[in-house]
Amino acid sequence: MRFRSITFADSSGDVINAVLLFGFAVPLISKNFLVYTFNEESRAGRIRVYLAALYKQGETYSLGALETDRDHVFALQALKQIVKTESP
């Protein structure tokens, strides 16, 4: 299986590669989100995934924190629905 990767700089300027799992939009709040992983294991032995807001700035895109509690609520509701729909 092929994965699409994303590259970005962390807060110290180091370049980091991550595996892009999927993206989704929440039209109700006019926001876009990406779900990605560094393939690192949590203490429970599961692969840790991250959720970030996707921002368009001119011709480029950047990832950032979810800005408000409302963003968190809507993004997590959408994410739960996606996982529920796509799970066997």
PDB file of N, CA and C in Angstrom:
ATOM      1  N   MET A   1       0.845  -1.171   0.000  1.00  0.00           N
ATOM      2  CA  MET A   1       0.000   0.000   0.000  1.00  0.00           C
ATOM      3  C   MET A   1       0.896   1.241   0.000  1.00  0.00           C
ATOM      4  N   ARG A   2       0.519   2.210  -0.790  1.00  0.00           N
ATOM      5  CA  ARG A   2       1.271   3.461  -0.845  1.00  0.00           C
ATOM      6  C   ARG A   2       0.629   4.504   0.051  1.00  0.00           C
ATOM      7  N   PHE A   3       1.469   5.277   0.686  1.00  0.00           N
ATOM      8  CA  PHE A   3       0.981   6.350   1.536  1.00  0.00           C
ATOM      9  C   PHE A   3       1.500   7.672   1.010  1.00  0.00           C
ATOM     10  N   ARG A   4       0.722   8.678   1.173  1.00  0.00           N
ATOM     11  CA  ARG A   4       1.150  10.023   0.829  1.00  0.00           C
ATOM     12  C   ARG A   4       1.786  10.627   2.076  1.00  0.00           C
ATOM     13  N   SER A   5       2.902  11.277   1.896  1.00  0.00           N
ATOM     14  CA  SER A   5       3.571  11.886   3.047  1.00  0.00           C
ATOM     15  C   SER A   5       3.475  13.398   2.964  1.00  0.00           C
ATOM     16  N   ILE A   6       3.591  14.005   4.102  1.00  0.00           N
ATOM     17  CA  ILE A   6       3.631  15.461   4.189  1.00  0.00           C
ATOM     18  C   ILE A   6       4.905  15.840   4.936  1.00  0.00           C
ATOM     19  N   THR A   7       5.461  16.956   4.563  1.00  0.00           N
ATOM     20  CA  THR A   7       6.685  17.445   5.186  1.00  0.00           C
ATOM     21  C   THR A   7       6.415  18.839   5.728  1.00  0.00           C
ATOM     22  N   PHE A   8       6.828  19.062   6.947  1.00  0.00           N
ATOM     23  CA  PHE A   8       6.689  20.389   7.524  1.00  0.00           C
ATOM     24  C   PHE A   8       7.785  20.611   8.548  1.00  0.00           C
ATOM     25  N   ALA A   9       7.910  21.846   8.980  1.00  0.00           N
ATOM     26  CA  ALA A   9       8.925  22.195   9.980  1.00  0.00           C
ATOM     27  C   ALA A   9       8.269  22.290  11.342  1.00  0.00           C
ATOM     28  N   ASP A  10       8.953  21.756  12.356  1.00  0.00           N
ATOM     29  CA  ASP A  10       8.438  21.877  13.715  1.00  0.00           C
ATOM     30  C   ASP A  10       8.822  23.237  14.293  1.00  0.00           C
ATOM     31  N   SER A  11       8.500  23.458  15.551  1.00  0.00           N
ATOM     32  CA  SER A  11       8.731  24.769  16.168  1.00  0.00           C
ATOM     33  C   SER A  11      10.204  25.157  16.240  1.00  0.00           C
ATOM     34  N   SER A  12      11.108  24.168  16.179  1.00  0.00           N
ATOM     35  CA  SER A  12      12.540  24.490  16.205  1.00  0.00           C
ATOM     36  C   SER A  12      13.138  24.583  14.804  1.00  0.00           C
ATOM     37  N   GLY A  13      12.292  24.405  13.779  1.00  0.00           N
ATOM     38  CA  GLY A  13      12.765  24.518  12.407  1.00  0.00           C
ATOM     39  C   GLY A  13      13.237  23.220  11.784  1.00  0.00           C
ATOM     40  N   ASP A  14      13.192  22.131  12.539  1.00  0.00           N
ATOM     41  CA  ASP A  14      13.591  20.833  11.994  1.00  0.00           C
ATOM     42  C   ASP A  14      12.505  20.308  11.061  1.00  0.00           C
ATOM     43  N   VAL A  15      12.920  19.720   9.947  1.00  0.00           N
ATOM     44  CA  VAL A  15      11.981  19.159   8.979  1.00  0.00           C
ATOM     45  C   VAL A  15      11.512  17.793   9.459  1.00  0.00           C
ATOM     46  N   ILE A  16      10.208  17.586   9.401  1.00  0.00           N
ATOM     47  CA  ILE A  16       9.597  16.349   9.870  1.00  0.00           C
ATOM     48  C   ILE A  16       8.732  15.776   8.747  1.00  0.00           C
ATOM     49  N   ASN A  17       8.823  14.466   8.547  1.00  0.00           N
ATOM     50  CA  ASN A  17       7.959  13.779   7.588  1.00  0.00           C
ATOM     51  C   ASN A  17       6.908  12.995   8.355  1.00  0.00           C
ATOM     52  N   ALA A  18       5.691  13.052   7.856  1.00  0.00           N
ATOM     53  CA  ALA A  18       4.586  12.316   8.457  1.00  0.00           C
ATOM     54  C   ALA A  18       3.804  11.621   7.349  1.00  0.00           C
ATOM     55  N   VAL A  19       3.052  10.608   7.723  1.00  0.00           N
ATOM     56  CA  VAL A  19       2.181   9.918   6.786  1.00  0.00           C
ATOM     57  C   VAL A  19       0.801  10.560   6.879  1.00  0.00           C
ATOM     58  N   LEU A  20       0.328  11.037   5.735  1.00  0.00           N
ATOM     59  CA  LEU A  20      -1.011  11.619   5.666  1.00  0.00           C
ATOM     60  C   LEU A  20      -2.023  10.491   5.575  1.00  0.00           C
ATOM     61  N   LEU A  21      -2.908  10.404   6.543  1.00  0.00           N
ATOM     62  CA  LEU A  21      -3.921   9.349   6.534  1.00  0.00           C
ATOM     63  C   LEU A  21      -5.141   9.769   5.733  1.00  0.00           C
ATOM     64  N   PHE A  22      -5.689  10.939   6.028  1.00  0.00           N
ATOM     65  CA  PHE A  22      -6.809  11.472   5.253  1.00  0.00           C
ATOM     66  C   PHE A  22      -7.092  12.901   5.689  1.00  0.00           C
ATOM     67  N   GLY A  23      -7.876  13.567   4.894  1.00  0.00           N
ATOM     68  CA  GLY A  23      -8.325  14.914   5.204  1.00  0.00           C
ATOM     69  C   GLY A  23      -9.833  14.967   5.116  1.00  0.00           C
ATOM     70  N   PHE A  24     -10.422  15.944   5.769  1.00  0.00           N
ATOM     71  CA  PHE A  24     -11.868  16.117   5.687  1.00  0.00           C
ATOM     72  C   PHE A  24     -12.232  17.566   5.944  1.00  0.00           C
ATOM     73  N   ALA A  25     -13.400  17.930   5.456  1.00  0.00           N
ATOM     74  CA  ALA A  25     -13.915  19.295   5.619  1.00  0.00           C
ATOM     75  C   ALA A  25     -15.151  19.251   6.500  1.00  0.00           C
ATOM     76  N   VAL A  26     -15.351  20.333   7.245  1.00  0.00           N
ATOM     77  CA  VAL A  26     -16.579  20.513   8.012  1.00  0.00           C
ATOM     78  C   VAL A  26     -17.210  21.799   7.485  1.00  0.00           C
ATOM     79  N   PRO A  27     -18.095  21.675   6.484  1.00  0.00           N
ATOM     80  CA  PRO A  27     -18.664  22.862   5.850  1.00  0.00           C
ATOM     81  C   PRO A  27     -19.407  23.793   6.813  1.00  0.00           C
ATOM     82  N   LEU A  28     -20.010  23.227   7.850  1.00  0.00           N
ATOM     83  CA  LEU A  28     -20.777  24.036   8.797  1.00  0.00           C
ATOM     84  C   LEU A  28     -19.931  25.127   9.451  1.00  0.00           C
ATOM     85  N   ILE A  29     -18.627  24.841   9.652  1.00  0.00           N
ATOM     86  CA  ILE A  29     -17.742  25.845  10.253  1.00  0.00           C
ATOM     87  C   ILE A  29     -16.683  26.323   9.258  1.00  0.00           C
ATOM     88  N   SER A  30     -16.819  25.912   7.999  1.00  0.00           N
ATOM     89  CA  SER A  30     -15.903  26.318   6.920  1.00  0.00           C
ATOM     90  C   SER A  30     -14.439  26.050   7.270  1.00  0.00           C
ATOM     91  N   LYS A  31     -14.170  24.839   7.749  1.00  0.00           N
ATOM     92  CA  LYS A  31     -12.805  24.466   8.143  1.00  0.00           C
ATOM     93  C   LYS A  31     -12.428  23.145   7.493  1.00  0.00           C
ATOM     94  N   ASN A  32     -11.128  22.967   7.272  1.00  0.00           N
ATOM     95  CA  ASN A  32     -10.562  21.733   6.736  1.00  0.00           C
ATOM     96  C   ASN A  32      -9.561  21.176   7.739  1.00  0.00           C
ATOM     97  N   PHE A  33      -9.469  19.843   7.781  1.00  0.00           N
ATOM     98  CA  PHE A  33      -8.612  19.181   8.752  1.00  0.00           C
ATOM     99  C   PHE A  33      -7.838  18.043   8.090  1.00  0.00           C
ATOM    100  N   LEU A  34      -6.678  17.734   8.643  1.00  0.00           N
ATOM    101  CA  LEU A  34      -5.879  16.590   8.205  1.00  0.00           C
ATOM    102  C   LEU A  34      -5.615  15.678   9.393  1.00  0.00           C
ATOM    103  N   VAL A  35      -5.584  14.385   9.110  1.00  0.00           N
ATOM    104  CA  VAL A  35      -5.226  13.380  10.106  1.00  0.00           C
ATOM    105  C   VAL A  35      -3.939  12.735   9.611  1.00  0.00           C
ATOM    106  N   TYR A  36      -2.918  12.710  10.472  1.00  0.00           N
ATOM    107  CA  TYR A  36      -1.613  12.195  10.071  1.00  0.00           C
ATOM    108  C   TYR A  36      -0.955  11.460  11.231  1.00  0.00           C
ATOM    109  N   THR A  37       0.140  10.758  10.910  1.00  0.00           N
ATOM    110  CA  THR A  37       0.866  10.007  11.925  1.00  0.00           C
ATOM    111  C   THR A  37       2.361  10.052  11.644  1.00  0.00           C
ATOM    112  N   PHE A  38       3.138   9.873  12.681  1.00  0.00           N
ATOM    113  CA  PHE A  38       4.590   9.695  12.569  1.00  0.00           C
ATOM    114  C   PHE A  38       4.948   8.224  12.747  1.00  0.00           C
ATOM    115  N   ASN A  39       3.930   7.361  12.792  1.00  0.00           N
ATOM    116  CA  ASN A  39       4.098   5.922  13.025  1.00  0.00           C
ATOM    117  C   ASN A  39       4.782   5.638  14.354  1.00  0.00           C
ATOM    118  N   GLU A  40       4.459   6.428  15.348  1.00  0.00           N
ATOM    119  CA  GLU A  40       5.009   6.201  16.687  1.00  0.00           C
ATOM    120  C   GLU A  40       3.969   5.479  17.535  1.00  0.00           C
ATOM    121  N   GLU A  41       4.426   4.584  18.369  1.00  0.00           N
ATOM    122  CA  GLU A  41       3.516   3.821  19.218  1.00  0.00           C
ATOM    123  C   GLU A  41       3.225   4.558  20.514  1.00  0.00           C
ATOM    124  N   SER A  42       1.973   4.436  20.942  1.00  0.00           N
ATOM    125  CA  SER A  42       1.599   4.960  22.248  1.00  0.00           C
ATOM    126  C   SER A  42       1.987   3.919  23.303  1.00  0.00           C
ATOM    127  N   ARG A  43       1.826   4.249  24.555  1.00  0.00           N
ATOM    128  CA  ARG A  43       2.136   3.283  25.624  1.00  0.00           C
ATOM    129  C   ARG A  43       1.244   2.052  25.550  1.00  0.00           C
ATOM    130  N   ALA A  44       0.063   2.222  24.959  1.00  0.00           N
ATOM    131  CA  ALA A  44      -0.868   1.099  24.834  1.00  0.00           C
ATOM    132  C   ALA A  44      -0.542   0.213  23.631  1.00  0.00           C
ATOM    133  N   GLY A  45       0.514   0.564  22.871  1.00  0.00           N
ATOM    134  CA  GLY A  45       0.912  -0.241  21.729  1.00  0.00           C
ATOM    135  C   GLY A  45       0.171   0.086  20.445  1.00  0.00           C
ATOM    136  N   ARG A  46      -0.567   1.180  20.436  1.00  0.00           N
ATOM    137  CA  ARG A  46      -1.297   1.602  19.247  1.00  0.00           C
ATOM    138  C   ARG A  46      -0.530   2.717  18.547  1.00  0.00           C
ATOM    139  N   ILE A  47      -0.800   2.886  17.264  1.00  0.00           N
ATOM    140  CA  ILE A  47      -0.164   3.967  16.519  1.00  0.00           C
ATOM    141  C   ILE A  47      -0.870   5.274  16.848  1.00  0.00           C
ATOM    142  N   ARG A  48      -0.083   6.261  17.221  1.00  0.00           N
ATOM    143  CA  ARG A  48      -0.613   7.571  17.587  1.00  0.00           C
ATOM    144  C   ARG A  48      -0.936   8.358  16.307  1.00  0.00           C
ATOM    145  N   VAL A  49      -2.114   8.993  16.270  1.00  0.00           N
ATOM    146  CA  VAL A  49      -2.502   9.847  15.147  1.00  0.00           C
ATOM    147  C   VAL A  49      -2.748  11.262  15.657  1.00  0.00           C
ATOM    148  N   TYR A  50      -2.626  12.205  14.740  1.00  0.00           N
ATOM    149  CA  TYR A  50      -2.781  13.618  15.077  1.00  0.00           C
ATOM    150  C   TYR A  50      -3.817  14.256  14.179  1.00  0.00           C
ATOM    151  N   LEU A  51      -4.500  15.242  14.709  1.00  0.00           N
ATOM    152  CA  LEU A  51      -5.502  16.016  13.989  1.00  0.00           C
ATOM    153  C   LEU A  51      -5.036  17.459  13.952  1.00  0.00           C
ATOM    154  N   ALA A  52      -5.004  18.047  12.762  1.00  0.00           N
ATOM    155  CA  ALA A  52      -4.577  19.439  12.627  1.00  0.00           C
ATOM    156  C   ALA A  52      -5.530  20.177  11.702  1.00  0.00           C
ATOM    157  N   ALA A  53      -5.649  21.464  11.920  1.00  0.00           N
ATOM    158  CA  ALA A  53      -6.409  22.315  11.011  1.00  0.00           C
ATOM    159  C   ALA A  53      -5.529  22.623   9.804  1.00  0.00           C
ATOM    160  N   LEU A  54      -6.152  22.683   8.639  1.00  0.00           N
ATOM    161  CA  LEU A  54      -5.443  23.001   7.401  1.00  0.00           C
ATOM    162  C   LEU A  54      -5.837  24.408   6.981  1.00  0.00           C
ATOM    163  N   TYR A  55      -4.848  25.281   6.848  1.00  0.00           N
ATOM    164  CA  TYR A  55      -5.090  26.674   6.486  1.00  0.00           C
ATOM    165  C   TYR A  55      -4.462  26.982   5.136  1.00  0.00           C
ATOM    166  N   LYS A  56      -5.211  27.669   4.283  1.00  0.00           N
ATOM    167  CA  LYS A  56      -4.671  28.114   2.997  1.00  0.00           C
ATOM    168  C   LYS A  56      -4.257  29.571   3.132  1.00  0.00           C
ATOM    169  N   GLN A  57      -3.014  29.837   2.759  1.00  0.00           N
ATOM    170  CA  GLN A  57      -2.472  31.195   2.812  1.00  0.00           C
ATOM    171  C   GLN A  57      -1.937  31.520   1.424  1.00  0.00           C
ATOM    172  N   GLY A  58      -2.755  32.177   0.610  1.00  0.00           N
ATOM    173  CA  GLY A  58      -2.365  32.454  -0.757  1.00  0.00           C
ATOM    174  C   GLY A  58      -2.321  31.162  -1.544  1.00  0.00           C
ATOM    175  N   GLU A  59      -1.158  30.828  -2.070  1.00  0.00           N
ATOM    176  CA  GLU A  59      -0.980  29.606  -2.857  1.00  0.00           C
ATOM    177  C   GLU A  59      -0.420  28.446  -2.033  1.00  0.00           C
ATOM    178  N   THR A  60      -0.167  28.665  -0.750  1.00  0.00           N
ATOM    179  CA  THR A  60       0.413  27.616   0.090  1.00  0.00           C
ATOM    180  C   THR A  60      -0.554  27.215   1.202  1.00  0.00           C
ATOM    181  N   TYR A  61      -0.267  26.067   1.779  1.00  0.00           N
ATOM    182  CA  TYR A  61      -1.067  25.545   2.882  1.00  0.00           C
ATOM    183  C   TYR A  61      -0.183  25.374   4.100  1.00  0.00           C
ATOM    184  N   SER A  62      -0.804  25.461   5.271  1.00  0.00           N
ATOM    185  CA  SER A  62      -0.071  25.196   6.499  1.00  0.00           C
ATOM    186  C   SER A  62      -0.984  24.462   7.477  1.00  0.00           C
ATOM    187  N   LEU A  63      -0.352  23.746   8.397  1.00  0.00           N
ATOM    188  CA  LEU A  63      -1.083  23.057   9.452  1.00  0.00           C
ATOM    189  C   LEU A  63      -1.013  23.885  10.717  1.00  0.00           C
ATOM    190  N   GLY A  64      -2.052  23.794  11.519  1.00  0.00           N
ATOM    191  CA  GLY A  64      -2.060  24.530  12.767  1.00  0.00           C
ATOM    192  C   GLY A  64      -2.985  23.886  13.775  1.00  0.00           C
ATOM    193  N   ALA A  65      -2.974  24.447  14.939  1.00  0.00           N
ATOM    194  CA  ALA A  65      -3.838  23.975  16.012  1.00  0.00           C
ATOM    195  C   ALA A  65      -5.283  24.328  15.711  1.00  0.00           C
ATOM    196  N   LEU A  66      -6.183  23.549  16.272  1.00  0.00           N
ATOM    197  CA  LEU A  66      -7.589  23.894  16.197  1.00  0.00           C
ATOM    198  C   LEU A  66      -7.783  25.109  17.092  1.00  0.00           C
ATOM    199  N   GLU A  67      -8.397  26.147  16.561  1.00  0.00           N
ATOM    200  CA  GLU A  67      -8.382  27.444  17.223  1.00  0.00           C
ATOM    201  C   GLU A  67      -9.381  27.611  18.359  1.00  0.00           C
ATOM    202  N   THR A  68     -10.522  26.965  18.264  1.00  0.00           N
ATOM    203  CA  THR A  68     -11.566  27.196  19.258  1.00  0.00           C
ATOM    204  C   THR A  68     -12.139  25.879  19.765  1.00  0.00           C
ATOM    205  N   ASP A  69     -12.855  25.942  20.867  1.00  0.00           N
ATOM    206  CA  ASP A  69     -13.550  24.759  21.371  1.00  0.00           C
ATOM    207  C   ASP A  69     -14.566  24.263  20.343  1.00  0.00           C
ATOM    208  N   ARG A  70     -15.190  25.197  19.641  1.00  0.00           N
ATOM    209  CA  ARG A  70     -16.165  24.848  18.600  1.00  0.00           C
ATOM    210  C   ARG A  70     -15.482  24.027  17.497  1.00  0.00           C
ATOM    211  N   ASP A  71     -14.288  24.445  17.083  1.00  0.00           N
ATOM    212  CA  ASP A  71     -13.527  23.684  16.086  1.00  0.00           C
ATOM    213  C   ASP A  71     -13.280  22.256  16.576  1.00  0.00           C
ATOM    214  N   HIS A  72     -12.885  22.118  17.840  1.00  0.00           N
ATOM    215  CA  HIS A  72     -12.621  20.795  18.417  1.00  0.00           C
ATOM    216  C   HIS A  72     -13.878  19.922  18.379  1.00  0.00           C
ATOM    217  N   VAL A  73     -14.986  20.485  18.811  1.00  0.00           N
ATOM    218  CA  VAL A  73     -16.234  19.725  18.880  1.00  0.00           C
ATOM    219  C   VAL A  73     -16.642  19.233  17.494  1.00  0.00           C
ATOM    220  N   PHE A  74     -16.677  20.132  16.520  1.00  0.00           N
ATOM    221  CA  PHE A  74     -17.113  19.759  15.183  1.00  0.00           C
ATOM    222  C   PHE A  74     -16.124  18.796  14.514  1.00  0.00           C
ATOM    223  N   ALA A  75     -14.832  19.034  14.670  1.00  0.00           N
ATOM    224  CA  ALA A  75     -13.827  18.159  14.063  1.00  0.00           C
ATOM    225  C   ALA A  75     -13.899  16.763  14.660  1.00  0.00           C
ATOM    226  N   LEU A  76     -14.020  16.660  15.968  1.00  0.00           N
ATOM    227  CA  LEU A  76     -14.086  15.342  16.609  1.00  0.00           C
ATOM    228  C   LEU A  76     -15.381  14.611  16.269  1.00  0.00           C
ATOM    229  N   GLN A  77     -16.490  15.334  16.140  1.00  0.00           N
ATOM    230  CA  GLN A  77     -17.742  14.694  15.723  1.00  0.00           C
ATOM    231  C   GLN A  77     -17.598  14.122  14.314  1.00  0.00           C
ATOM    232  N   ALA A  78     -17.024  14.909  13.417  1.00  0.00           N
ATOM    233  CA  ALA A  78     -16.829  14.446  12.045  1.00  0.00           C
ATOM    234  C   ALA A  78     -15.868  13.256  12.014  1.00  0.00           C
ATOM    235  N   LEU A  79     -14.787  13.334  12.769  1.00  0.00           N
ATOM    236  CA  LEU A  79     -13.800  12.255  12.815  1.00  0.00           C
ATOM    237  C   LEU A  79     -14.428  10.965  13.347  1.00  0.00           C
ATOM    238  N   LYS A  80     -15.219  11.063  14.393  1.00  0.00           N
ATOM    239  CA  LYS A  80     -15.900   9.882  14.934  1.00  0.00           C
ATOM    240  C   LYS A  80     -16.833   9.269  13.893  1.00  0.00           C
ATOM    241  N   GLN A  81     -17.530  10.111  13.140  1.00  0.00           N
ATOM    242  CA  GLN A  81     -18.439   9.608  12.104  1.00  0.00           C
ATOM    243  C   GLN A  81     -17.666   8.916  10.987  1.00  0.00           C
ATOM    244  N   ILE A  82     -16.542   9.480  10.597  1.00  0.00           N
ATOM    245  CA  ILE A  82     -15.704   8.871   9.563  1.00  0.00           C
ATOM    246  C   ILE A  82     -15.213   7.499  10.019  1.00  0.00           C
ATOM    247  N   VAL A  83     -14.685   7.431  11.229  1.00  0.00           N
ATOM    248  CA  VAL A  83     -14.155   6.167  11.751  1.00  0.00           C
ATOM    249  C   VAL A  83     -15.283   5.146  11.873  1.00  0.00           C
ATOM    250  N   LYS A  84     -16.427   5.565  12.340  1.00  0.00           N
ATOM    251  CA  LYS A  84     -17.565   4.659  12.491  1.00  0.00           C
ATOM    252  C   LYS A  84     -18.020   4.133  11.126  1.00  0.00           C
ATOM    253  N   THR A  85     -18.076   5.001  10.132  1.00  0.00           N
ATOM    254  CA  THR A  85     -18.530   4.627   8.790  1.00  0.00           C
ATOM    255  C   THR A  85     -17.540   3.714   8.104  1.00  0.00           C
ATOM    256  N   GLU A  86     -16.229   3.956   8.285  1.00  0.00           N
ATOM    257  CA  GLU A  86     -15.192   3.209   7.573  1.00  0.00           C
ATOM    258  C   GLU A  86     -14.732   1.946   8.289  1.00  0.00           C
ATOM    259  N   SER A  87     -15.141   1.757   9.539  1.00  0.00           N
ATOM    260  CA  SER A  87     -14.724   0.557  10.284  1.00  0.00           C
ATOM    261  C   SER A  87     -15.529  -0.647   9.846  1.00  0.00           C
ATOM    262  N   PRO A  88     -14.870  -1.810   9.785  1.00  0.00           N
ATOM    263  CA  PRO A  88     -15.583  -3.042   9.364  1.00  0.00           C
ATOM    264  C   PRO A  88     -16.620  -3.480  10.369  1.00  0.00           C
TER     265      PRO A  88
END
